Amino acid sequence: MGYYNYYSYPKRKPNDPAATVEKLRKKNPNINPIIIDGKLAKSWWAIAWNRNLEGYADYSSRISRGRSYVRSGAVVDLSIDAGEVKALVQGTKKKPYEIVIKIDTLSEEKWEDITRHCSRKISNLEELVHGKFSKELEELFTNKKSGLFPSPSEIKFSCDCPDWAYMCKHVAAVLYGIGARFDSDPTLFFKLRNIEFAHLIKKSVDDRIAEMLKNSGKKTKRRMAESSISKLFGV
């Protein structure tokens, strides 16, 4: 019977993220790290984003790997564009890993369904951005089949780290980092999903005006100027 000696290799600690940020900032003053102060998510959009990801079986057992990473400041840069997120995550190597996350745009059918159900349910831009809307609208937005939040099949990601796992901790950290970014600017959610959130407001406002005119019993061919609509409803 043979015996094998096993050697326990010490785990390598990630390099200091703060030092990495300072180094990167010398080359790129616009570097934008994720800084978690307190809760991982605070705003409605950030909380809903995290809950959506954690609610899928494909992600629930893997995404938790990124919590400690994002809290430690390892996401040293993260930028959000339409349908795409690019990030740098400081790992055990000197050079941070590069992560790219691509998210499919909403289908035309899903978008039409959402705008139809939003009719007269959103009062102004502030209400939408801060998640201050009815429970009915909240459930519409978070519906796994027809809502605004992406499913795993709509999310593609890549990381240049050597981890063979389906979702490495660097990608998981960035996914949480996206939610954290919504805390500072909830409108980035709409940018990421390539949604013209102003259209949701305008649709709701137009329907409310039509309803007002209908109830008043007055018919008119005049259209209210968009500037007037903005002043009236805070768009």
C-alpha atoms as a PDB file:
ATOM      1  CA  MET A   1       0.000   0.000   0.000  1.00  0.00           C
ATOM      2  CA  GLY A   2       1.509   3.306  -0.998  1.00  0.00           C
ATOM      3  CA  TYR A   3       1.450   6.456   1.034  1.00  0.00           C
ATOM      4  CA  TYR A   4       1.461   9.979  -0.278  1.00  0.00           C
ATOM      5  CA  ASN A   5       2.723  13.042   1.459  1.00  0.00           C
ATOM      6  CA  TYR A   6       0.515  16.045   0.959  1.00  0.00           C
ATOM      7  CA  TYR A   7       1.841  19.540   1.248  1.00  0.00           C
ATOM      8  CA  SER A   8      -0.581  22.313   2.091  1.00  0.00           C
ATOM      9  CA  TYR A   9       0.278  25.339   0.016  1.00  0.00           C
ATOM     10  CA  PRO A  10      -0.445  28.623   1.760  1.00  0.00           C
ATOM     11  CA  LYS A  11      -3.179  30.690   0.199  1.00  0.00           C
ATOM     12  CA  ARG A  12      -1.943  33.764  -1.592  1.00  0.00           C
ATOM     13  CA  LYS A  13      -3.501  36.980  -0.423  1.00  0.00           C
ATOM     14  CA  PRO A  14      -4.714  39.565  -2.929  1.00  0.00           C
ATOM     15  CA  ASN A  15      -2.489  42.578  -3.423  1.00  0.00           C
ATOM     16  CA  ASP A  16      -3.490  45.820  -1.739  1.00  0.00           C
ATOM     17  CA  PRO A  17      -6.396  47.238  -3.830  1.00  0.00           C
ATOM     18  CA  ALA A  18      -5.786  50.794  -2.588  1.00  0.00           C
ATOM     19  CA  ALA A  19      -2.226  50.697  -3.884  1.00  0.00           C
ATOM     20  CA  THR A  20      -3.479  49.358  -7.208  1.00  0.00           C
ATOM     21  CA  VAL A  21      -6.010  52.180  -7.502  1.00  0.00           C
ATOM     22  CA  GLU A  22      -3.336  54.808  -6.893  1.00  0.00           C
ATOM     23  CA  LYS A  23      -1.083  53.217  -9.488  1.00  0.00           C
ATOM     24  CA  LEU A  24      -3.877  53.018 -12.066  1.00  0.00           C
ATOM     25  CA  ARG A  25      -4.964  56.590 -11.346  1.00  0.00           C
ATOM     26  CA  LYS A  26      -1.578  57.900 -12.448  1.00  0.00           C
ATOM     27  CA  LYS A  27      -2.275  56.582 -15.935  1.00  0.00           C
ATOM     28  CA  ASN A  28      -6.031  57.108 -15.885  1.00  0.00           C
ATOM     29  CA  PRO A  29      -7.409  59.873 -13.625  1.00  0.00           C
ATOM     30  CA  ASN A  30     -10.952  58.641 -14.343  1.00  0.00           C
ATOM     31  CA  ILE A  31     -10.428  55.272 -12.662  1.00  0.00           C
ATOM     32  CA  ASN A  32     -13.595  54.488 -10.704  1.00  0.00           C
ATOM     33  CA  PRO A  33     -13.286  51.836  -7.971  1.00  0.00           C
ATOM     34  CA  ILE A  34     -16.184  50.278  -6.074  1.00  0.00           C
ATOM     35  CA  ILE A  35     -16.181  51.394  -2.451  1.00  0.00           C
ATOM     36  CA  ILE A  36     -18.606  49.652  -0.103  1.00  0.00           C
ATOM     37  CA  ASP A  37     -19.489  51.715   2.941  1.00  0.00           C
ATOM     38  CA  GLY A  38     -21.831  49.738   5.161  1.00  0.00           C
ATOM     39  CA  LYS A  39     -24.502  47.694   3.397  1.00  0.00           C
ATOM     40  CA  LEU A  40     -23.716  45.928   0.152  1.00  0.00           C
ATOM     41  CA  ALA A  41     -26.818  47.480  -1.424  1.00  0.00           C
ATOM     42  CA  LYS A  42     -28.940  50.400  -0.211  1.00  0.00           C
ATOM     43  CA  SER A  43     -31.173  51.706  -3.008  1.00  0.00           C
ATOM     44  CA  TRP A  44     -34.201  49.856  -4.381  1.00  0.00           C
ATOM     45  CA  TRP A  45     -32.486  49.232  -7.727  1.00  0.00           C
ATOM     46  CA  ALA A  46     -29.291  47.872  -6.116  1.00  0.00           C
ATOM     47  CA  ILE A  47     -31.210  45.586  -3.760  1.00  0.00           C
ATOM     48  CA  ALA A  48     -33.456  44.348  -6.569  1.00  0.00           C
ATOM     49  CA  TRP A  49     -30.409  43.723  -8.792  1.00  0.00           C
ATOM     50  CA  ASN A  50     -28.714  41.556  -6.148  1.00  0.00           C
ATOM     51  CA  ARG A  51     -31.913  39.690  -5.282  1.00  0.00           C
ATOM     52  CA  ASN A  52     -32.477  38.913  -8.936  1.00  0.00           C
ATOM     53  CA  LEU A  53     -29.017  37.386  -9.343  1.00  0.00           C
ATOM     54  CA  GLU A  54     -29.191  35.482  -6.059  1.00  0.00           C
ATOM     55  CA  GLY A  55     -32.643  34.160  -6.958  1.00  0.00           C
ATOM     56  CA  TYR A  56     -31.373  31.971  -9.802  1.00  0.00           C
ATOM     57  CA  ALA A  57     -30.115  28.484  -8.967  1.00  0.00           C
ATOM     58  CA  ASP A  58     -27.311  28.835 -11.532  1.00  0.00           C
ATOM     59  CA  TYR A  59     -25.951  31.833  -9.646  1.00  0.00           C
ATOM     60  CA  SER A  60     -26.964  31.394  -5.998  1.00  0.00           C
ATOM     61  CA  SER A  61     -24.196  28.899  -5.171  1.00  0.00           C
ATOM     62  CA  ARG A  62     -21.500  30.883  -6.956  1.00  0.00           C
ATOM     63  CA  ILE A  63     -22.162  34.592  -6.665  1.00  0.00           C
ATOM     64  CA  SER A  64     -21.581  34.618  -2.893  1.00  0.00           C
ATOM     65  CA  ARG A  65     -17.881  34.114  -3.660  1.00  0.00           C
ATOM     66  CA  GLY A  66     -17.694  37.727  -4.722  1.00  0.00           C
ATOM     67  CA  ARG A  67     -19.097  39.385  -1.588  1.00  0.00           C
ATOM     68  CA  SER A  68     -15.878  39.500   0.420  1.00  0.00           C
ATOM     69  CA  TYR A  69     -13.958  40.529  -2.692  1.00  0.00           C
ATOM     70  CA  VAL A  70     -16.137  43.511  -3.492  1.00  0.00           C
ATOM     71  CA  ARG A  71     -16.283  44.544   0.179  1.00  0.00           C
ATOM     72  CA  SER A  72     -12.484  44.511   0.375  1.00  0.00           C
ATOM     73  CA  GLY A  73     -12.266  47.033  -2.470  1.00  0.00           C
ATOM     74  CA  ALA A  74     -10.889  44.493  -4.936  1.00  0.00           C
ATOM     75  CA  VAL A  75     -13.024  45.937  -7.779  1.00  0.00           C
ATOM     76  CA  VAL A  76     -10.576  48.736  -8.568  1.00  0.00           C
ATOM     77  CA  ASP A  77     -12.441  50.009 -11.612  1.00  0.00           C
ATOM     78  CA  LEU A  78     -15.939  49.530 -13.026  1.00  0.00           C
ATOM     79  CA  SER A  79     -17.650  51.294 -15.909  1.00  0.00           C
ATOM     80  CA  ILE A  80     -21.169  50.772 -17.201  1.00  0.00           C
ATOM     81  CA  ASP A  81     -22.282  51.291 -20.772  1.00  0.00           C
ATOM     82  CA  ALA A  82     -25.295  50.157 -22.794  1.00  0.00           C
ATOM     83  CA  GLY A  83     -25.362  46.383 -22.517  1.00  0.00           C
ATOM     84  CA  GLU A  84     -21.788  46.130 -21.253  1.00  0.00           C
ATOM     85  CA  VAL A  85     -19.764  46.395 -18.059  1.00  0.00           C
ATOM     86  CA  LYS A  86     -15.974  46.532 -17.971  1.00  0.00           C
ATOM     87  CA  ALA A  87     -14.063  46.130 -14.741  1.00  0.00           C
ATOM     88  CA  LEU A  88     -10.675  45.497 -13.172  1.00  0.00           C
ATOM     89  CA  VAL A  89     -10.393  43.281 -10.101  1.00  0.00           C
ATOM     90  CA  GLN A  90      -7.265  43.020  -7.993  1.00  0.00           C
ATOM     91  CA  GLY A  91      -6.433  39.396  -7.257  1.00  0.00           C
ATOM     92  CA  THR A  92      -3.338  37.556  -6.130  1.00  0.00           C
ATOM     93  CA  LYS A  93      -1.312  38.631  -9.145  1.00  0.00           C
ATOM     94  CA  LYS A  94       0.294  42.039  -9.423  1.00  0.00           C
ATOM     95  CA  LYS A  95      -1.766  42.995 -12.466  1.00  0.00           C
ATOM     96  CA  PRO A  96      -5.552  43.211 -11.899  1.00  0.00           C
ATOM     97  CA  TYR A  97      -7.786  40.859 -13.846  1.00  0.00           C
ATOM     98  CA  GLU A  98      -9.927  42.202 -16.674  1.00  0.00           C
ATOM     99  CA  ILE A  99     -13.624  41.347 -16.604  1.00  0.00           C
ATOM    100  CA  VAL A 100     -16.215  42.008 -19.292  1.00  0.00           C
ATOM    101  CA  ILE A 101     -19.925  41.398 -18.693  1.00  0.00           C
ATOM    102  CA  LYS A 102     -22.386  41.691 -21.570  1.00  0.00           C
ATOM    103  CA  ILE A 103     -26.140  41.828 -21.055  1.00  0.00           C
ATOM    104  CA  ASP A 104     -28.726  41.352 -23.778  1.00  0.00           C
ATOM    105  CA  THR A 105     -31.068  44.237 -24.480  1.00  0.00           C
ATOM    106  CA  LEU A 106     -34.750  43.903 -23.670  1.00  0.00           C
ATOM    107  CA  SER A 107     -36.816  42.270 -26.373  1.00  0.00           C
ATOM    108  CA  GLU A 108     -39.302  44.518 -28.162  1.00  0.00           C
ATOM    109  CA  GLU A 109     -42.166  42.385 -26.837  1.00  0.00           C
ATOM    110  CA  LYS A 110     -41.008  42.703 -23.229  1.00  0.00           C
ATOM    111  CA  TRP A 111     -40.453  46.453 -23.569  1.00  0.00           C
ATOM    112  CA  GLU A 112     -43.929  47.036 -25.029  1.00  0.00           C
ATOM    113  CA  ASP A 113     -45.494  44.968 -22.242  1.00  0.00           C
ATOM    114  CA  ILE A 114     -43.693  47.008 -19.563  1.00  0.00           C
ATOM    115  CA  THR A 115     -44.568  50.397 -21.060  1.00  0.00           C
ATOM    116  CA  ARG A 116     -48.200  49.336 -21.404  1.00  0.00           C
ATOM    117  CA  HIS A 117     -48.403  48.335 -17.748  1.00  0.00           C
ATOM    118  CA  CYS A 118     -46.627  51.514 -16.642  1.00  0.00           C
ATOM    119  CA  SER A 119     -49.482  53.632 -17.971  1.00  0.00           C
ATOM    120  CA  ARG A 120     -50.436  56.306 -15.388  1.00  0.00           C
ATOM    121  CA  LYS A 121     -48.483  54.452 -12.668  1.00  0.00           C
ATOM    122  CA  ILE A 122     -45.372  56.674 -12.543  1.00  0.00           C
ATOM    123  CA  SER A 123     -45.756  60.264 -11.381  1.00  0.00           C
ATOM    124  CA  ASN A 124     -42.292  61.665 -12.055  1.00  0.00           C
ATOM    125  CA  LEU A 125     -38.643  60.899 -12.684  1.00  0.00           C
ATOM    126  CA  GLU A 126     -37.667  61.074  -9.021  1.00  0.00           C
ATOM    127  CA  GLU A 127     -40.275  58.451  -8.158  1.00  0.00           C
ATOM    128  CA  LEU A 128     -38.897  56.074 -10.771  1.00  0.00           C
ATOM    129  CA  VAL A 129     -35.222  56.593  -9.938  1.00  0.00           C
ATOM    130  CA  HIS A 130     -35.707  56.151  -6.198  1.00  0.00           C
ATOM    131  CA  GLY A 131     -37.955  53.105  -6.526  1.00  0.00           C
ATOM    132  CA  LYS A 132     -40.968  54.863  -5.026  1.00  0.00           C
ATOM    133  CA  PHE A 133     -43.764  53.174  -6.890  1.00  0.00           C
ATOM    134  CA  SER A 134     -46.617  50.785  -6.281  1.00  0.00           C
ATOM    135  CA  LYS A 135     -46.165  47.131  -5.346  1.00  0.00           C
ATOM    136  CA  GLU A 136     -47.838  46.236  -8.620  1.00  0.00           C
ATOM    137  CA  LEU A 137     -45.190  48.103 -10.599  1.00  0.00           C
ATOM    138  CA  GLU A 138     -42.406  46.685  -8.445  1.00  0.00           C
ATOM    139  CA  GLU A 139     -43.554  43.131  -9.217  1.00  0.00           C
ATOM    140  CA  LEU A 140     -43.771  44.016 -12.902  1.00  0.00           C
ATOM    141  CA  PHE A 141     -40.172  45.237 -12.931  1.00  0.00           C
ATOM    142  CA  THR A 142     -38.813  42.208 -11.034  1.00  0.00           C
ATOM    143  CA  ASN A 143     -40.841  39.498 -12.788  1.00  0.00           C
ATOM    144  CA  LYS A 144     -38.349  36.816 -13.842  1.00  0.00           C
ATOM    145  CA  LYS A 145     -40.044  36.154 -17.175  1.00  0.00           C
ATOM    146  CA  SER A 146     -41.107  39.604 -18.310  1.00  0.00           C
ATOM    147  CA  GLY A 147     -39.377  42.111 -16.034  1.00  0.00           C
ATOM    148  CA  LEU A 148     -36.512  44.556 -16.422  1.00  0.00           C
ATOM    149  CA  PHE A 149     -33.833  42.481 -14.705  1.00  0.00           C
ATOM    150  CA  PRO A 150     -31.736  40.045 -16.771  1.00  0.00           C
ATOM    151  CA  SER A 151     -31.805  36.269 -16.417  1.00  0.00           C
ATOM    152  CA  PRO A 152     -28.602  34.153 -16.526  1.00  0.00           C
ATOM    153  CA  SER A 153     -29.286  33.340 -20.187  1.00  0.00           C
ATOM    154  CA  GLU A 154     -29.112  37.067 -20.943  1.00  0.00           C
ATOM    155  CA  ILE A 155     -25.774  37.558 -19.170  1.00  0.00           C
ATOM    156  CA  LYS A 156     -22.409  36.660 -20.716  1.00  0.00           C
ATOM    157  CA  PHE A 157     -19.113  37.233 -18.909  1.00  0.00           C
ATOM    158  CA  SER A 158     -15.393  36.673 -19.243  1.00  0.00           C
ATOM    159  CA  CYS A 159     -12.369  37.035 -16.958  1.00  0.00           C
ATOM    160  CA  ASP A 160      -8.695  36.569 -17.851  1.00  0.00           C
ATOM    161  CA  CYS A 161      -7.897  34.834 -14.547  1.00  0.00           C
ATOM    162  CA  PRO A 162      -6.825  31.138 -14.546  1.00  0.00           C
ATOM    163  CA  ASP A 163      -9.871  30.001 -12.525  1.00  0.00           C
ATOM    164  CA  TRP A 164     -11.697  27.280 -14.459  1.00  0.00           C
ATOM    165  CA  ALA A 165     -14.996  27.758 -12.597  1.00  0.00           C
ATOM    166  CA  TYR A 166     -18.146  28.774 -14.478  1.00  0.00           C
ATOM    167  CA  MET A 167     -18.270  31.963 -12.415  1.00  0.00           C
ATOM    168  CA  CYS A 168     -15.011  32.979 -10.757  1.00  0.00           C
ATOM    169  CA  LYS A 169     -14.955  35.207  -7.682  1.00  0.00           C
ATOM    170  CA  HIS A 170     -13.756  38.134  -9.794  1.00  0.00           C
ATOM    171  CA  VAL A 171     -16.856  38.041 -12.002  1.00  0.00           C
ATOM    172  CA  ALA A 172     -19.042  37.551  -8.909  1.00  0.00           C
ATOM    173  CA  ALA A 173     -17.447  40.604  -7.288  1.00  0.00           C
ATOM    174  CA  VAL A 174     -18.165  42.682 -10.393  1.00  0.00           C
ATOM    175  CA  LEU A 175     -21.812  41.561 -10.459  1.00  0.00           C
ATOM    176  CA  TYR A 176     -22.180  42.844  -6.900  1.00  0.00           C
ATOM    177  CA  GLY A 177     -20.189  45.917  -7.889  1.00  0.00           C
ATOM    178  CA  ILE A 178     -22.776  46.719 -10.541  1.00  0.00           C
ATOM    179  CA  GLY A 179     -25.464  46.804  -7.870  1.00  0.00           C
ATOM    180  CA  ALA A 180     -23.291  49.041  -5.701  1.00  0.00           C
ATOM    181  CA  ARG A 181     -22.892  51.425  -8.617  1.00  0.00           C
ATOM    182  CA  PHE A 182     -26.691  51.744  -8.805  1.00  0.00           C
ATOM    183  CA  ASP A 183     -26.604  53.097  -5.230  1.00  0.00           C
ATOM    184  CA  SER A 184     -24.673  56.148  -6.394  1.00  0.00           C
ATOM    185  CA  ASP A 185     -26.584  56.525  -9.672  1.00  0.00           C
ATOM    186  CA  PRO A 186     -29.760  54.421 -10.205  1.00  0.00           C
ATOM    187  CA  THR A 187     -30.109  55.715 -13.787  1.00  0.00           C
ATOM    188  CA  LEU A 188     -27.129  53.513 -14.694  1.00  0.00           C
ATOM    189  CA  PHE A 189     -29.491  50.538 -14.501  1.00  0.00           C
ATOM    190  CA  PHE A 190     -31.452  51.933 -17.434  1.00  0.00           C
ATOM    191  CA  LYS A 191     -28.231  52.712 -19.284  1.00  0.00           C
ATOM    192  CA  LEU A 192     -27.005  49.142 -18.789  1.00  0.00           C
ATOM    193  CA  ARG A 193     -30.264  47.688 -20.076  1.00  0.00           C
ATOM    194  CA  ASN A 194     -30.328  50.264 -22.881  1.00  0.00           C
ATOM    195  CA  ILE A 195     -33.700  51.576 -21.723  1.00  0.00           C
ATOM    196  CA  GLU A 196     -34.935  55.101 -22.369  1.00  0.00           C
ATOM    197  CA  PHE A 197     -36.388  55.580 -18.898  1.00  0.00           C
ATOM    198  CA  ALA A 198     -37.686  59.019 -19.932  1.00  0.00           C
ATOM    199  CA  HIS A 199     -39.982  57.163 -22.327  1.00  0.00           C
ATOM    200  CA  LEU A 200     -41.582  55.358 -19.384  1.00  0.00           C
ATOM    201  CA  ILE A 201     -42.295  58.717 -17.781  1.00  0.00           C
ATOM    202  CA  LYS A 202     -43.576  60.331 -20.970  1.00  0.00           C
ATOM    203  CA  LYS A 203     -45.855  57.373 -21.720  1.00  0.00           C
ATOM    204  CA  SER A 204     -47.342  57.570 -18.246  1.00  0.00           C
ATOM    205  CA  VAL A 205     -47.713  61.369 -18.471  1.00  0.00           C
ATOM    206  CA  ASP A 206     -49.328  61.258 -21.927  1.00  0.00           C
ATOM    207  CA  ASP A 207     -51.855  58.690 -20.718  1.00  0.00           C
ATOM    208  CA  ARG A 208     -52.638  60.761 -17.627  1.00  0.00           C
ATOM    209  CA  ILE A 209     -53.177  63.892 -19.716  1.00  0.00           C
ATOM    210  CA  ALA A 210     -55.450  61.972 -22.082  1.00  0.00           C
ATOM    211  CA  GLU A 211     -57.406  60.719 -19.094  1.00  0.00           C
ATOM    212  CA  MET A 212     -57.669  64.249 -17.673  1.00  0.00           C
ATOM    213  CA  LEU A 213     -58.997  65.606 -20.952  1.00  0.00           C
ATOM    214  CA  LYS A 214     -61.433  62.728 -21.243  1.00  0.00           C
ATOM    215  CA  ASN A 215     -62.752  63.284 -17.742  1.00  0.00           C
ATOM    216  CA  SER A 216     -63.096  67.012 -18.309  1.00  0.00           C
ATOM    217  CA  GLY A 217     -65.317  66.367 -21.310  1.00  0.00           C
ATOM    218  CA  LYS A 218     -63.244  68.685 -23.481  1.00  0.00           C
ATOM    219  CA  LYS A 219     -61.842  67.704 -26.824  1.00  0.00           C
ATOM    220  CA  THR A 220     -58.736  69.332 -28.212  1.00  0.00           C
ATOM    221  CA  LYS A 221     -56.233  68.705 -30.994  1.00  0.00           C
ATOM    222  CA  ARG A 222     -53.536  70.701 -29.255  1.00  0.00           C
ATOM    223  CA  ARG A 223     -50.608  68.732 -27.800  1.00  0.00           C
ATOM    224  CA  MET A 224     -49.015  69.977 -24.629  1.00  0.00           C
ATOM    225  CA  ALA A 225     -45.395  70.932 -25.180  1.00  0.00           C
ATOM    226  CA  GLU A 226     -42.826  68.597 -23.657  1.00  0.00           C
ATOM    227  CA  SER A 227     -41.386  71.484 -21.654  1.00  0.00           C
ATOM    228  CA  SER A 228     -44.823  72.072 -20.119  1.00  0.00           C
ATOM    229  CA  ILE A 229     -45.139  68.384 -19.320  1.00  0.00           C
ATOM    230  CA  SER A 230     -41.781  68.503 -17.587  1.00  0.00           C
ATOM    231  CA  LYS A 231     -42.851  71.393 -15.383  1.00  0.00           C
ATOM    232  CA  LEU A 232     -46.202  69.816 -14.586  1.00  0.00           C
ATOM    233  CA  PHE A 233     -45.023  66.318 -13.714  1.00  0.00           C
ATOM    234  CA  GLY A 234     -41.388  66.826 -12.806  1.00  0.00           C
ATOM    235  CA  VAL A 235     -39.987  64.850 -15.762  1.00  0.00           C
END
